[in-house]
Amino acid sequence: MTEGLASAGSALVTSPEWVDEILLRGADDDGCLYSGGPVDRAALRRLVAQRQARLAEAGLRAGGTLALRLPPSVAYVANLLAGWRIGAQVSLLDHRLTAFEVDAALGRLAPQVLVEPGRITSSPLSPFADVEESVTARPGRPAVTPHAVIQLSSGSTGPSKVIGRTAADLVAEIERYTRIDGVPLPGERIIVLASMVHVLGLVGALLYGLHAGVQVRPPERLTGDSVLDAVAAEPTPATVLGVPFHIGLLASVVDPPRLPQLKRMTTGGEAVPAATATAFTDKYGVPLGNMWGMTEVGVIATDLFGEHRPALTPAPGIEVVERGGELWVSRPESPYVGLSDPDRWADGWLHTRDAGAVDPDTGLVTVRGRLDSQVSVGGLKVDLTEVEATLAELPGVVAAVVLHDDVITAYAQLDAPATAASVQAGLAERLAAYKRPRRVHVLDAIPRTTTGKLVRDRSVLRAAAAGNGVPR
């Protein structure tokens, strides 16, 4: 499979036919998607052709620009593939963005055609929507770069960056997935919880699944019981794919049934605390795999069997090095649309802004959090990642973010009976005094990005704390 993918990709990545060769090829009765019922490959090809005709009627041409603002759905998949088959550049906008954020994004991207929701008839808890889309021509501009897809970064630490990836780059990432030990195999299923608007769900579930003959199936509702129902619905092996936030869905199931179909859960986006990983594996008896990736690159390193936690193995074809405490990733060209920032990409290397280390003997990569997590307190170095990990492991702490905001400041989401006082007491037992937060804000819920990552923007967290009243 890998050899055929590489040869097809090299021949077709400069033309829209790569969609047919890499993503849509296969037996007509191959059940590639599931949304209220199976969607086989023949049906998906018909849906793509219908959307392609509709987009063409709206004026979309090869070299044109299309913005998709649809929730994950069959309509989203069909319009995405249709845009690529036309030869257009497709920008992906999360449907959960506010009208203000959408207007700002459209102003930056200037698409010629916009596809957005008309009528949504599914439940708000459904991760895969039943949607009728609206197609609108706009006074935008043609593509000025060769990228097939444009995405906005998650914005967990500040304003979003505009990131572009070519068809060749997407094909290369699909090929990486085919060579990673532990990914779903042909005939298996991916129970997808991660949004397909963002890189983990987009490539790790949708594009890889379409190419490899792995059915992509969301649960009917985003609840623990519904996820397990989706696993149990068919006898074939199933991998649950999400972000650490979704581990809580399965952890909330009090007495889960034995599910021989459940192969593993794989998460990406943030590190999973060791205690959380142990609790999951104890409850379900399957590996909790881990992936590290970025919108700019896709999957970088994995540990799908949970054997090396917290270390990871670089994905095939990806080189990771450590320079001055920062992890750099091989990337032949800048992923950023517009002027290239040498502080982020230069000479074939992407500066991830993640702190970490690479074992010189094994090549395993350990990600230690953001590079800016190192601060000085009274002349003593403090790693805020260590403080945050210690806080997150305390009883009753659901989620935590630790920043240096004049002083070390913690934001915590707690379950009763945990309180700010009990958190402080727990930290006093585990951390030296100079490392401990001087302020602890207890929030009803820590803000998250649309990808489920905890927001680390100081202004957003300050506003959330102010809205919660005084620290408790």
Protein backbone atom coordinates (compact mmCIF):
# COMPACT_ATOMS: atom_id res chain seq x y z
CA MET A 1 0.00 0.00 0.00
CA THR A 2 2.81 2.42 0.88
CA GLU A 3 4.63 1.96 -2.45
CA GLY A 4 1.46 2.58 -4.45
CA LEU A 5 0.65 5.67 -2.41
CA ALA A 6 4.10 7.16 -2.92
CA SER A 7 4.10 6.63 -6.68
CA ALA A 8 0.54 7.89 -7.13
CA GLY A 9 1.21 10.88 -4.91
CA SER A 10 4.35 11.93 -6.74
CA ALA A 11 2.51 11.76 -10.06
CA LEU A 12 -0.69 13.49 -9.08
CA VAL A 13 -0.10 15.97 -6.29
CA THR A 14 0.07 18.87 -8.74
CA SER A 15 -3.39 18.12 -10.16
CA PRO A 16 -6.85 17.63 -8.63
CA GLU A 17 -6.92 13.96 -9.66
CA TRP A 18 -4.99 13.12 -6.47
CA VAL A 19 -8.37 13.09 -4.71
CA ASP A 20 -9.58 10.22 -6.89
CA GLU A 21 -6.29 8.33 -6.78
CA ILE A 22 -5.50 8.68 -3.07
CA LEU A 23 -8.84 9.20 -1.32
CA LEU A 24 -11.79 7.98 -3.37
CA ARG A 25 -10.40 4.89 -5.09
CA GLY A 26 -11.85 1.58 -3.88
CA ALA A 27 -14.70 -0.86 -4.20
CA ASP A 28 -18.15 0.70 -4.58
CA ASP A 29 -19.51 -1.15 -1.54
CA ASP A 30 -16.63 -0.18 0.76
CA GLY A 31 -18.25 1.45 3.80
CA CYS A 32 -15.94 4.42 4.30
CA LEU A 33 -18.11 6.69 6.47
CA TYR A 34 -20.95 6.26 8.92
CA SER A 35 -23.45 8.99 9.73
CA GLY A 36 -26.87 7.73 10.77
CA GLY A 37 -26.11 4.81 8.48
CA PRO A 38 -23.24 3.54 6.34
CA VAL A 39 -21.98 5.68 3.46
CA ASP A 40 -20.18 3.50 0.93
CA ARG A 41 -17.57 4.69 -1.53
CA ALA A 42 -19.97 4.80 -4.47
CA ALA A 43 -22.36 7.04 -2.52
CA LEU A 44 -19.52 9.30 -1.41
CA ARG A 45 -18.33 9.69 -5.01
CA ARG A 46 -21.87 10.71 -6.04
CA LEU A 47 -22.08 13.25 -3.22
CA VAL A 48 -18.72 14.73 -4.16
CA ALA A 49 -19.76 15.02 -7.81
CA GLN A 50 -22.99 16.78 -6.81
CA ARG A 51 -21.12 19.29 -4.64
CA GLN A 52 -18.53 19.81 -7.34
CA ALA A 53 -21.26 20.84 -9.79
CA ARG A 54 -22.81 23.20 -7.25
CA LEU A 55 -19.49 24.86 -6.43
CA ALA A 56 -18.76 25.27 -10.13
CA GLU A 57 -22.15 26.97 -10.56
CA ALA A 58 -21.09 29.43 -7.85
CA GLY A 59 -18.02 30.28 -9.89
CA LEU A 60 -15.34 28.13 -8.29
CA ARG A 61 -12.58 27.22 -10.75
CA ALA A 62 -9.15 25.61 -10.65
CA GLY A 63 -6.86 27.99 -8.82
CA GLY A 64 -9.84 29.57 -7.03
CA THR A 65 -10.46 29.83 -3.30
CA LEU A 66 -13.14 28.16 -1.20
CA ALA A 67 -13.86 28.63 2.50
CA LEU A 68 -15.69 25.86 4.37
CA ARG A 69 -17.43 26.81 7.57
CA LEU A 70 -19.31 23.58 8.19
CA PRO A 71 -19.48 21.31 11.22
CA PRO A 72 -18.01 17.82 10.75
CA SER A 73 -20.59 16.09 8.56
CA VAL A 74 -21.04 14.23 5.30
CA ALA A 75 -21.66 17.65 3.73
CA TYR A 76 -18.29 18.87 5.04
CA VAL A 77 -16.47 15.84 3.63
CA ALA A 78 -18.21 16.08 0.26
CA ASN A 79 -17.55 19.82 -0.16
CA LEU A 80 -13.93 19.49 0.93
CA LEU A 81 -13.20 16.75 -1.60
CA ALA A 82 -15.23 18.56 -4.27
CA GLY A 83 -13.21 21.74 -3.81
CA TRP A 84 -9.99 19.80 -4.17
CA ARG A 85 -11.29 17.94 -7.24
CA ILE A 86 -11.96 21.29 -8.89
CA GLY A 87 -8.37 22.27 -8.12
CA ALA A 88 -9.27 25.01 -5.65
CA GLN A 89 -7.54 26.06 -2.46
CA VAL A 90 -9.78 25.24 0.52
CA SER A 91 -9.71 27.20 3.80
CA LEU A 92 -11.17 25.47 6.84
CA LEU A 93 -13.05 27.56 9.41
CA ASP A 94 -14.36 26.01 12.60
CA HIS A 95 -18.13 26.27 12.68
CA ARG A 96 -17.98 27.19 16.38
CA LEU A 97 -16.27 30.52 15.70
CA THR A 98 -18.26 33.63 16.52
CA ALA A 99 -19.59 35.89 13.77
CA PHE A 100 -16.87 38.40 14.67
CA GLU A 101 -14.14 35.75 14.33
CA VAL A 102 -15.59 34.51 11.03
CA ASP A 103 -15.70 38.02 9.57
CA ALA A 104 -12.09 38.60 10.60
CA ALA A 105 -11.00 35.28 9.07
CA LEU A 106 -12.85 35.93 5.81
CA GLY A 107 -11.22 39.34 5.62
CA ARG A 108 -7.77 37.73 5.93
CA LEU A 109 -8.45 34.83 3.55
CA ALA A 110 -10.66 36.52 0.91
CA PRO A 111 -12.32 33.36 -0.47
CA GLN A 112 -14.28 33.49 -3.71
CA VAL A 113 -16.89 30.99 -2.52
CA LEU A 114 -18.15 30.37 1.02
CA VAL A 115 -19.97 27.23 2.17
CA GLU A 116 -21.65 27.53 5.56
CA PRO A 117 -24.53 25.91 7.43
CA GLY A 118 -28.04 26.57 6.25
CA ARG A 119 -30.11 24.31 8.47
CA ILE A 120 -28.73 21.91 11.10
CA THR A 121 -31.21 19.28 12.25
CA SER A 122 -28.98 17.14 14.48
CA SER A 123 -28.46 17.42 18.23
CA PRO A 124 -25.87 19.92 19.49
CA LEU A 125 -24.19 16.95 21.22
CA SER A 126 -23.73 15.12 17.94
CA PRO A 127 -20.09 15.26 16.77
CA PHE A 128 -21.25 14.62 13.18
CA ALA A 129 -23.99 16.99 12.12
CA ASP A 130 -26.94 16.58 9.78
CA VAL A 131 -26.63 19.83 7.86
CA GLU A 132 -27.96 21.50 4.74
CA GLU A 133 -25.31 23.88 3.48
CA SER A 134 -25.54 27.30 1.85
CA VAL A 135 -23.16 28.21 -1.01
CA THR A 136 -22.39 31.90 -1.61
CA ALA A 137 -20.17 33.59 -4.18
CA ARG A 138 -17.99 36.36 -2.73
CA PRO A 139 -15.76 39.11 -4.15
CA GLY A 140 -12.62 37.28 -3.08
CA ARG A 141 -9.36 36.60 -4.86
CA PRO A 142 -7.80 33.53 -6.50
CA ALA A 143 -5.18 31.52 -4.67
CA VAL A 144 -1.81 33.25 -4.43
CA THR A 145 0.01 30.18 -3.07
CA PRO A 146 0.07 26.53 -4.21
CA HIS A 147 -1.45 25.22 -0.98
CA ALA A 148 -4.38 22.81 -1.15
CA VAL A 149 -5.60 23.58 2.35
CA ILE A 150 -5.40 26.66 4.56
CA GLN A 151 -5.94 26.30 8.29
CA LEU A 152 -5.80 28.67 11.23
CA SER A 153 -3.77 27.58 14.24
CA SER A 154 -5.69 26.79 17.42
CA GLY A 155 -4.85 30.11 19.05
CA SER A 156 -4.27 28.53 22.47
CA THR A 157 -1.42 30.94 23.21
CA GLY A 158 -2.39 33.98 21.14
CA PRO A 159 -3.66 35.10 17.71
CA SER A 160 -4.11 32.39 15.09
CA LYS A 161 -1.47 31.88 12.40
CA VAL A 162 -2.39 31.19 8.76
CA ILE A 163 -0.94 27.80 7.82
CA GLY A 164 -0.86 26.30 4.34
CA ARG A 165 -0.22 22.74 3.23
CA THR A 166 0.13 21.49 -0.32
CA ALA A 167 -1.48 18.36 -1.69
CA ALA A 168 1.99 16.78 -1.75
CA ASP A 169 2.38 17.53 1.94
CA LEU A 170 -0.99 15.96 2.77
CA VAL A 171 -0.16 12.88 0.72
CA ALA A 172 3.18 12.59 2.53
CA GLU A 173 1.42 12.68 5.90
CA ILE A 174 -1.07 10.02 4.82
CA GLU A 175 1.93 7.91 3.82
CA ARG A 176 3.49 8.46 7.26
CA TYR A 177 0.35 7.12 8.88
CA THR A 178 0.49 3.94 6.80
CA ARG A 179 3.96 3.25 8.24
CA ILE A 180 3.20 3.88 11.93
CA ASP A 181 2.83 0.73 14.01
CA GLY A 182 -0.53 0.63 15.78
CA VAL A 183 -2.67 2.75 13.44
CA PRO A 184 -6.06 1.31 12.38
CA LEU A 185 -5.75 -1.22 9.58
CA PRO A 186 -7.90 -1.78 6.48
CA GLY A 187 -11.29 -3.17 7.49
CA GLU A 188 -11.10 -1.60 10.95
CA ARG A 189 -12.84 1.51 12.28
CA ILE A 190 -11.93 4.90 13.71
CA ILE A 191 -14.41 6.26 16.26
CA VAL A 192 -13.57 9.88 15.68
CA LEU A 193 -14.09 12.45 18.44
CA ALA A 194 -11.51 14.98 17.22
CA SER A 195 -12.90 17.61 14.86
CA MET A 196 -12.16 16.93 11.20
CA VAL A 197 -11.69 20.67 10.69
CA HIS A 198 -8.36 20.38 12.52
CA VAL A 199 -5.30 18.35 11.67
CA LEU A 200 -5.72 15.33 13.95
CA GLY A 201 -9.25 14.54 12.78
CA LEU A 202 -8.66 15.80 9.24
CA VAL A 203 -5.65 13.68 8.35
CA GLY A 204 -5.46 11.15 11.19
CA ALA A 205 -9.08 10.11 10.75
CA LEU A 206 -10.68 11.34 7.52
CA LEU A 207 -7.90 11.36 4.91
CA TYR A 208 -6.01 8.37 6.27
CA GLY A 209 -9.26 6.43 6.73
CA LEU A 210 -10.42 7.13 3.18
CA HIS A 211 -7.09 6.03 1.76
CA ALA A 212 -6.54 2.97 3.95
CA GLY A 213 -10.06 1.53 3.82
CA VAL A 214 -10.76 2.29 7.48
CA GLN A 215 -14.34 3.29 8.27
CA VAL A 216 -14.61 6.72 9.91
CA ARG A 217 -17.46 6.63 12.38
CA PRO A 218 -18.43 9.29 14.94
CA PRO A 219 -20.64 8.39 17.91
CA GLU A 220 -24.24 9.57 17.81
CA ARG A 221 -23.62 11.82 20.80
CA LEU A 222 -20.50 13.12 22.46
CA THR A 223 -20.98 11.12 25.66
CA GLY A 224 -19.08 8.20 27.13
CA ASP A 225 -21.95 5.76 26.71
CA SER A 226 -22.49 6.79 23.09
CA VAL A 227 -18.79 6.35 22.29
CA LEU A 228 -18.94 2.80 23.67
CA ASP A 229 -22.14 2.15 21.72
CA ALA A 230 -20.31 3.13 18.52
CA VAL A 231 -17.48 0.74 19.38
CA ALA A 232 -19.96 -2.07 20.07
CA ALA A 233 -22.08 -1.43 16.93
CA GLU A 234 -19.92 -3.63 14.68
CA PRO A 235 -17.60 -6.60 15.29
CA THR A 236 -14.56 -5.06 13.61
CA PRO A 237 -11.69 -3.58 15.69
CA ALA A 238 -12.12 0.07 16.63
CA THR A 239 -9.72 2.83 17.67
CA VAL A 240 -11.12 5.87 19.49
CA LEU A 241 -9.36 9.05 18.30
CA GLY A 242 -9.64 12.28 20.25
CA VAL A 243 -7.87 14.76 22.49
CA PRO A 244 -7.17 14.42 26.24
CA PHE A 245 -10.44 16.20 26.99
CA HIS A 246 -12.27 13.19 25.54
CA ILE A 247 -10.65 10.77 27.97
CA GLY A 248 -13.05 12.19 30.53
CA LEU A 249 -16.00 10.99 28.46
CA LEU A 250 -14.93 7.37 28.80
CA ALA A 251 -13.76 7.86 32.38
CA SER A 252 -17.30 9.03 33.24
CA VAL A 253 -18.76 5.60 32.41
CA VAL A 254 -19.14 3.94 35.80
CA ASP A 255 -19.18 0.29 34.77
CA PRO A 256 -18.20 -0.06 31.11
CA PRO A 257 -19.04 -3.32 29.36
CA ARG A 258 -16.32 -5.59 28.07
CA LEU A 259 -15.68 -4.60 24.47
CA PRO A 260 -13.35 -6.93 22.57
CA GLN A 261 -13.67 -4.60 19.56
CA LEU A 262 -11.97 -1.74 21.43
CA LYS A 263 -8.37 -1.79 20.25
CA ARG A 264 -7.07 1.42 21.83
CA MET A 265 -7.74 5.09 22.40
CA THR A 266 -5.30 7.52 20.81
CA THR A 267 -5.07 11.16 21.85
CA GLY A 268 -3.21 14.19 20.55
CA GLY A 269 -3.01 17.86 21.35
CA GLU A 270 -1.68 17.82 24.91
CA ALA A 271 0.27 15.54 27.19
CA VAL A 272 -1.83 13.19 29.31
CA PRO A 273 -0.97 13.07 33.03
CA ALA A 274 0.39 9.69 34.08
CA ALA A 275 -2.39 9.18 36.62
CA THR A 276 -5.04 9.79 33.95
CA ALA A 277 -3.39 7.31 31.60
CA THR A 278 -3.18 4.67 34.34
CA ALA A 279 -6.82 5.17 35.31
CA PHE A 280 -7.88 4.71 31.68
CA THR A 281 -5.86 1.57 31.05
CA ASP A 282 -6.99 0.07 34.36
CA LYS A 283 -10.63 0.66 33.44
CA TYR A 284 -10.59 -0.47 29.81
CA GLY A 285 -7.61 -2.79 29.59
CA VAL A 286 -6.39 -1.35 26.26
CA PRO A 287 -3.50 0.99 25.44
CA LEU A 288 -3.90 4.74 25.67
CA GLY A 289 -1.78 5.90 22.76
CA ASN A 290 -0.24 9.33 22.48
CA MET A 291 0.56 11.51 19.48
CA TRP A 292 2.44 14.76 19.15
CA GLY A 293 1.74 16.92 16.14
CA MET A 294 1.21 20.44 14.90
CA THR A 295 -1.09 22.06 12.38
CA GLU A 296 2.05 23.06 10.49
CA VAL A 297 3.32 19.49 10.06
CA GLY A 298 0.67 16.99 11.04
CA VAL A 299 1.77 13.94 13.01
CA ILE A 300 5.35 14.26 14.31
CA ALA A 301 5.83 11.47 16.85
CA THR A 302 3.73 8.70 18.43
CA ASP A 303 3.57 6.12 21.18
CA LEU A 304 0.42 4.23 20.22
CA PHE A 305 1.07 1.30 22.57
CA GLY A 306 1.75 3.49 25.63
CA GLU A 307 5.12 1.82 26.07
CA HIS A 308 7.38 4.85 26.40
CA ARG A 309 5.18 7.44 28.12
CA PRO A 310 5.93 10.32 28.11
CA ALA A 311 8.48 9.69 25.33
CA LEU A 312 7.51 9.22 21.68
CA THR A 313 8.99 7.76 18.52
CA PRO A 314 9.39 10.15 15.57
CA ALA A 315 7.02 9.31 12.72
CA PRO A 316 8.61 7.81 9.59
CA GLY A 317 10.27 10.48 7.48
CA ILE A 318 10.27 13.05 10.29
CA GLU A 319 13.49 14.17 11.96
CA VAL A 320 13.36 15.80 15.39
CA VAL A 321 16.37 17.47 17.03
CA GLU A 322 16.87 19.48 20.20
CA ARG A 323 18.56 22.86 19.99
CA GLY A 324 18.98 24.97 23.12
CA GLY A 325 16.21 23.07 24.88
CA GLU A 326 13.76 23.54 21.98
CA LEU A 327 12.51 20.79 19.68
CA TRP A 328 13.00 21.43 15.96
CA VAL A 329 11.24 19.39 13.27
CA SER A 330 12.40 18.87 9.70
CA ARG A 331 10.17 20.75 7.28
CA PRO A 332 11.36 21.41 3.70
CA GLU A 333 9.46 24.68 3.33
CA SER A 334 7.79 27.24 5.55
CA PRO A 335 4.18 26.30 6.39
CA TYR A 336 3.18 29.90 7.02
CA VAL A 337 1.26 31.87 4.42
CA GLY A 338 2.80 35.26 3.88
CA LEU A 339 6.24 36.38 5.03
CA SER A 340 8.25 33.57 6.61
CA ASP A 341 9.35 34.25 10.20
CA PRO A 342 12.93 32.99 10.65
CA ASP A 343 12.18 32.58 14.34
CA ARG A 344 9.65 29.88 13.39
CA TRP A 345 11.11 28.33 10.22
CA ALA A 346 14.52 28.58 8.61
CA ASP A 347 16.82 26.36 6.53
CA GLY A 348 14.51 23.35 6.52
CA TRP A 349 13.70 23.36 10.23
CA LEU A 350 10.49 24.34 12.02
CA HIS A 351 11.02 25.75 15.49
CA THR A 352 8.17 24.18 17.44
CA ARG A 353 8.44 26.44 20.50
CA ASP A 354 8.06 23.23 22.52
CA ALA A 355 10.67 22.42 25.13
CA GLY A 356 11.96 18.87 25.09
CA ALA A 357 14.77 16.41 24.61
CA VAL A 358 15.83 13.72 22.16
CA ASP A 359 17.49 10.62 23.61
CA PRO A 360 20.81 10.23 21.76
CA ASP A 361 20.72 6.44 22.02
CA THR A 362 17.08 5.60 21.23
CA GLY A 363 15.96 8.70 19.31
CA LEU A 364 12.86 8.91 21.54
CA VAL A 365 11.44 12.40 21.93
CA THR A 366 10.12 13.82 25.19
CA VAL A 367 7.99 16.94 24.96
CA ARG A 368 8.15 19.02 28.14
CA GLY A 369 5.70 21.78 27.34
CA ARG A 370 6.04 25.22 25.85
CA LEU A 371 9.52 26.72 25.65
CA ASP A 372 8.35 29.82 27.47
CA SER A 373 7.44 27.71 30.50
CA GLN A 374 10.92 28.36 32.01
CA VAL A 375 10.83 31.36 34.39
CA SER A 376 13.11 32.80 37.04
CA VAL A 377 11.80 33.34 40.59
CA GLY A 378 14.22 35.06 42.94
CA GLY A 379 17.10 33.92 40.75
CA LEU A 380 15.90 30.29 40.80
CA LYS A 381 14.69 28.56 37.64
CA VAL A 382 11.15 27.18 37.69
CA ASP A 383 9.65 24.97 35.00
CA LEU A 384 5.97 25.89 34.87
CA THR A 385 5.30 22.61 33.07
CA GLU A 386 6.43 20.75 36.20
CA VAL A 387 4.20 22.94 38.39
CA GLU A 388 1.23 22.42 36.09
CA ALA A 389 1.74 18.66 35.91
CA THR A 390 1.97 18.47 39.71
CA LEU A 391 -1.21 20.51 40.07
CA ALA A 392 -3.05 18.40 37.50
CA GLU A 393 -2.22 15.21 39.45
CA LEU A 394 -3.84 16.44 42.68
CA PRO A 395 -7.15 14.86 43.74
CA GLY A 396 -10.14 16.76 42.44
CA VAL A 397 -8.25 18.75 39.79
CA VAL A 398 -10.08 18.36 36.47
CA ALA A 399 -7.87 20.69 34.44
CA ALA A 400 -5.12 23.19 35.17
CA VAL A 401 -3.06 25.94 33.52
CA VAL A 402 -0.05 27.55 35.19
CA LEU A 403 1.43 30.83 33.89
CA HIS A 404 3.88 33.44 35.07
CA ASP A 405 1.83 36.62 35.36
CA ASP A 406 4.02 38.87 37.56
CA VAL A 407 3.98 35.85 39.88
CA ILE A 408 3.34 32.17 39.28
CA THR A 409 -0.42 31.97 38.78
CA ALA A 410 -2.57 28.86 38.55
CA TYR A 411 -6.01 28.45 37.02
CA ALA A 412 -7.77 25.27 38.09
CA GLN A 413 -11.05 23.54 37.40
CA LEU A 414 -12.03 21.43 40.38
CA ASP A 415 -14.47 18.73 41.38
CA ALA A 416 -15.92 18.85 44.89
CA PRO A 417 -14.74 18.59 47.60
CA ALA A 418 -11.47 20.03 46.28
CA THR A 419 -10.94 23.75 46.99
CA ALA A 420 -8.24 26.34 46.43
CA ALA A 421 -7.08 25.69 49.98
CA SER A 422 -6.81 21.93 49.49
CA VAL A 423 -4.94 22.52 46.23
CA GLN A 424 -2.47 24.81 47.95
CA ALA A 425 -1.98 22.25 50.71
CA GLY A 426 -1.37 19.51 48.20
CA LEU A 427 1.17 21.62 46.33
CA ALA A 428 2.97 22.44 49.57
CA GLU A 429 3.59 18.72 50.07
CA ARG A 430 4.95 18.23 46.54
CA LEU A 431 6.76 21.41 45.48
CA ALA A 432 9.41 23.66 46.96
CA ALA A 433 8.07 26.99 48.18
CA TYR A 434 9.64 29.02 45.35
CA LYS A 435 7.89 26.84 42.74
CA ARG A 436 4.41 27.10 44.18
CA PRO A 437 1.74 29.40 42.66
CA ARG A 438 1.20 32.59 44.59
CA ARG A 439 -2.30 32.90 43.17
CA VAL A 440 -4.78 30.10 42.51
CA HIS A 441 -7.94 30.96 40.57
CA VAL A 442 -10.69 28.35 40.65
CA LEU A 443 -12.81 28.49 37.48
CA ASP A 444 -16.07 26.73 36.74
CA ALA A 445 -14.45 25.66 33.46
CA ILE A 446 -11.07 26.56 32.00
CA PRO A 447 -11.51 28.03 28.51
CA ARG A 448 -10.58 25.70 25.67
CA THR A 449 -9.85 26.21 22.00
CA THR A 450 -12.08 24.71 19.34
CA THR A 451 -9.69 21.73 19.23
CA GLY A 452 -10.14 21.04 22.95
CA LYS A 453 -6.79 22.47 24.06
CA LEU A 454 -6.62 24.50 27.25
CA VAL A 455 -6.31 28.21 26.49
CA ARG A 456 -3.08 29.76 27.80
CA ASP A 457 -3.66 33.33 26.70
CA ARG A 458 -3.27 35.50 29.81
CA SER A 459 -5.96 38.00 28.85
CA VAL A 460 -8.53 35.25 28.26
CA LEU A 461 -7.74 33.55 31.57
CA ARG A 462 -7.77 36.83 33.48
CA ALA A 463 -11.20 37.60 32.05
CA ALA A 464 -12.44 34.12 33.00
CA ALA A 465 -11.13 34.59 36.54
CA ALA A 466 -12.76 38.02 36.79
CA GLY A 467 -16.04 36.53 35.62
CA ASN A 468 -15.77 33.89 38.32
CA GLY A 469 -15.37 36.49 41.04
CA VAL A 470 -12.59 36.42 43.61
CA PRO A 471 -10.24 33.42 43.81
CA ARG A 472 -11.63 30.65 45.98
